[in-house]
Amino acid sequence: VTFQLLYGFFVIEHGRRKVLHCNVTRYPTADWVVQQLREAFPEAVPYRYAIFDHDSKYDAEVITFLKATGLQPKQTSVQAPWQNGVAERWVGTCRREILDHVIPLNEPHLRRFLRDFIHYYHQDRVHDSLEKDAPNGRPVEPKPALGATVDSQPRLGGLHHSYCWRAAA
């Protein structure tokens, strides 16, 4: 355990709250950010804007790349997290629901936790803004029979659970 600072990068779609790309590094640079954007947007994308904060890593090279992909870069004001509330909300959710409960040992360990959390976030976690649906959509399961019970399935090593109906035996 080295207790070194790790930096996370993510791209989130505002409409369905879907995390399109996520990665971790010890040494974030503008070149690394451009590479992450290439991985997030390998082809033409249906999006119009890329919103990002005022970090120095988002330099002219990053802005040039975004414009070349057809995205309009929109930089938030200094110390104005409310200007990108969806991203700030995801960071808070990620911190509260997983990072406050787990001590990652290194970059691959944190990357795996985030990948598992994003899978849970897309498949099982309900969102008020999506009318209690998950980003990937989940069909509402009707109760199969009068004696059916709720079955709990652990997610993220038991930190969270998903629930479904189990028919009575």
Protein backbone atom coordinates (compact mmCIF):
# COMPACT_ATOMS: atom_id res chain seq x y z
CA VAL A 1 0.00 0.00 0.00
CA THR A 2 1.62 3.24 -1.16
CA PHE A 3 -1.15 5.78 -0.37
CA GLN A 4 -0.32 7.72 -3.52
CA LEU A 5 -2.80 10.06 -5.11
CA LEU A 6 -4.66 8.70 -8.13
CA TYR A 7 -6.64 10.78 -10.60
CA GLY A 8 -9.81 9.64 -12.31
CA PHE A 9 -11.15 10.70 -15.69
CA PHE A 10 -14.65 9.98 -16.97
CA VAL A 11 -16.97 10.92 -19.80
CA ILE A 12 -20.66 10.88 -18.94
CA GLU A 13 -23.67 11.31 -21.20
CA HIS A 14 -26.08 13.75 -19.62
CA GLY A 15 -29.29 12.34 -21.13
CA ARG A 16 -29.30 8.85 -19.59
CA ARG A 17 -26.48 9.42 -17.05
CA LYS A 18 -24.39 6.80 -18.84
CA VAL A 19 -20.65 6.70 -18.17
CA LEU A 20 -19.12 6.32 -21.63
CA HIS A 21 -15.49 6.06 -20.51
CA CYS A 22 -13.54 5.96 -17.27
CA ASN A 23 -9.85 5.57 -16.47
CA VAL A 24 -7.31 6.23 -13.72
CA THR A 25 -3.73 7.47 -13.65
CA ARG A 26 -1.11 8.75 -11.26
CA TYR A 27 0.17 11.41 -13.65
CA PRO A 28 -2.58 13.10 -15.68
CA THR A 29 -1.32 15.22 -18.55
CA ALA A 30 -2.94 16.88 -21.54
CA ASP A 31 -1.61 14.08 -23.78
CA TRP A 32 -3.18 11.47 -21.49
CA VAL A 33 -6.51 13.36 -21.56
CA VAL A 34 -6.46 13.46 -25.38
CA GLN A 35 -5.81 9.70 -25.44
CA GLN A 36 -8.77 9.13 -23.10
CA LEU A 37 -10.97 11.25 -25.36
CA ARG A 38 -9.83 9.19 -28.37
CA GLU A 39 -10.87 6.04 -26.51
CA ALA A 40 -14.19 7.59 -25.46
CA PHE A 41 -15.01 8.84 -28.97
CA PRO A 42 -13.36 6.50 -31.50
CA GLU A 43 -15.80 7.51 -34.25
CA ALA A 44 -18.18 10.34 -35.05
CA VAL A 45 -20.45 10.93 -32.10
CA PRO A 46 -24.05 12.16 -31.83
CA TYR A 47 -23.11 14.64 -29.11
CA ARG A 48 -22.71 18.39 -29.58
CA TYR A 49 -20.90 19.58 -26.47
CA ALA A 50 -18.07 18.52 -24.19
CA ILE A 51 -18.28 20.19 -20.79
CA PHE A 52 -15.18 20.20 -18.61
CA ASP A 53 -13.80 22.14 -15.67
CA HIS A 54 -11.01 24.70 -15.51
CA ASP A 55 -8.15 22.27 -14.90
CA SER A 56 -4.87 23.16 -16.61
CA LYS A 57 -4.80 19.71 -18.24
CA TYR A 58 -7.56 20.86 -20.59
CA ASP A 59 -5.21 22.98 -22.66
CA ALA A 60 -5.24 24.06 -26.32
CA GLU A 61 -4.35 20.54 -27.46
CA VAL A 62 -7.44 19.08 -25.78
CA ILE A 63 -9.67 21.84 -27.15
CA THR A 64 -8.25 21.36 -30.67
CA PHE A 65 -8.94 17.62 -30.47
CA LEU A 66 -12.53 18.19 -29.31
CA LYS A 67 -13.18 20.62 -32.14
CA ALA A 68 -11.67 18.16 -34.64
CA THR A 69 -14.14 15.50 -33.50
CA GLY A 70 -17.05 17.91 -34.03
CA LEU A 71 -17.68 18.63 -30.35
CA GLN A 72 -18.01 22.16 -29.03
CA PRO A 73 -15.83 22.50 -25.91
CA LYS A 74 -17.56 24.29 -23.03
CA GLN A 75 -15.39 25.10 -20.06
CA THR A 76 -17.09 25.83 -16.74
CA SER A 77 -16.21 28.94 -14.77
CA VAL A 78 -13.60 28.83 -12.05
CA GLN A 79 -14.94 27.26 -8.84
CA ALA A 80 -18.40 26.70 -10.34
CA PRO A 81 -19.27 22.99 -9.91
CA TRP A 82 -23.00 23.68 -10.38
CA GLN A 83 -22.31 24.37 -14.06
CA ASN A 84 -21.77 20.66 -14.63
CA GLY A 85 -24.08 19.16 -12.04
CA VAL A 86 -24.45 15.75 -13.73
CA ALA A 87 -20.70 15.11 -13.55
CA GLU A 88 -20.44 16.44 -9.99
CA ARG A 89 -23.33 14.23 -8.95
CA TRP A 90 -21.64 11.16 -10.46
CA VAL A 91 -18.39 11.91 -8.64
CA GLY A 92 -20.29 12.26 -5.34
CA THR A 93 -22.23 9.05 -5.95
CA CYS A 94 -19.07 7.16 -6.82
CA ARG A 95 -17.32 8.47 -3.72
CA ARG A 96 -20.21 7.77 -1.34
CA GLU A 97 -21.23 4.40 -2.72
CA ILE A 98 -17.83 2.77 -3.27
CA LEU A 99 -14.70 4.83 -2.62
CA ASP A 100 -15.65 5.65 0.98
CA HIS A 101 -15.84 1.89 1.66
CA VAL A 102 -12.81 0.55 -0.21
CA ILE A 103 -9.10 1.37 -0.12
CA PRO A 104 -7.71 0.74 -3.61
CA LEU A 105 -4.20 -0.70 -3.53
CA ASN A 106 -3.03 0.59 -6.91
CA GLU A 107 -4.22 1.82 -10.31
CA PRO A 108 -5.43 -1.56 -11.65
CA HIS A 109 -7.28 -2.23 -8.39
CA LEU A 110 -9.09 1.14 -8.55
CA ARG A 111 -9.77 0.68 -12.27
CA ARG A 112 -11.41 -2.70 -11.55
CA PHE A 113 -13.55 -1.25 -8.74
CA LEU A 114 -14.68 1.61 -10.97
CA ARG A 115 -15.45 -0.76 -13.86
CA ASP A 116 -17.57 -2.94 -11.53
CA PHE A 117 -19.27 0.12 -10.05
CA ILE A 118 -20.09 1.48 -13.52
CA HIS A 119 -21.61 -1.87 -14.47
CA TYR A 120 -23.76 -1.76 -11.31
CA TYR A 121 -24.57 1.93 -11.96
CA HIS A 122 -25.78 1.18 -15.51
CA GLN A 123 -27.66 -2.06 -14.80
CA ASP A 124 -29.08 -1.92 -11.28
CA ARG A 125 -28.87 1.50 -9.64
CA VAL A 126 -32.07 3.53 -9.93
CA HIS A 127 -31.97 7.25 -10.65
CA ASP A 128 -34.66 9.73 -9.63
CA SER A 129 -33.96 11.81 -12.74
CA LEU A 130 -34.67 8.74 -14.90
CA GLU A 131 -38.01 8.07 -13.15
CA LYS A 132 -36.54 5.30 -10.98
CA ASP A 133 -34.93 3.59 -13.97
CA ALA A 134 -31.30 2.62 -14.58
CA PRO A 135 -29.24 4.19 -17.41
CA ASN A 136 -29.45 0.98 -19.47
CA GLY A 137 -33.13 0.61 -18.68
CA ARG A 138 -34.63 -2.19 -16.61
CA PRO A 139 -38.03 -3.70 -17.22
CA VAL A 140 -40.38 -3.65 -14.27
CA GLU A 141 -40.87 -7.22 -13.07
CA PRO A 142 -44.45 -7.99 -12.14
CA LYS A 143 -44.91 -10.24 -9.14
CA PRO A 144 -45.00 -13.74 -10.69
CA ALA A 145 -47.30 -15.33 -8.11
CA LEU A 146 -49.04 -14.51 -4.87
CA GLY A 147 -46.45 -16.34 -2.73
CA ALA A 148 -43.37 -14.96 -4.53
CA THR A 149 -40.58 -13.50 -2.42
CA VAL A 150 -37.89 -10.93 -3.10
CA ASP A 151 -34.45 -12.32 -3.85
CA SER A 152 -31.35 -10.26 -3.10
CA GLN A 153 -28.26 -10.58 -5.30
CA PRO A 154 -25.02 -9.02 -4.03
CA ARG A 155 -23.19 -6.50 -6.19
CA LEU A 156 -19.75 -4.98 -5.68
CA GLY A 157 -18.70 -7.64 -3.21
CA GLY A 158 -21.85 -7.17 -1.13
CA LEU A 159 -21.66 -3.37 -0.81
CA HIS A 160 -24.86 -3.11 -2.84
CA HIS A 161 -27.60 -5.48 -3.94
CA SER A 162 -30.04 -5.90 -6.78
CA TYR A 163 -33.44 -7.39 -6.19
CA CYS A 164 -35.76 -9.59 -8.23
CA TRP A 165 -38.76 -11.79 -7.66
CA ARG A 166 -38.32 -15.46 -6.80
CA ALA A 167 -41.26 -17.76 -7.35
CA ALA A 168 -42.52 -19.60 -4.30
CA ALA A 169 -41.33 -23.17 -3.97
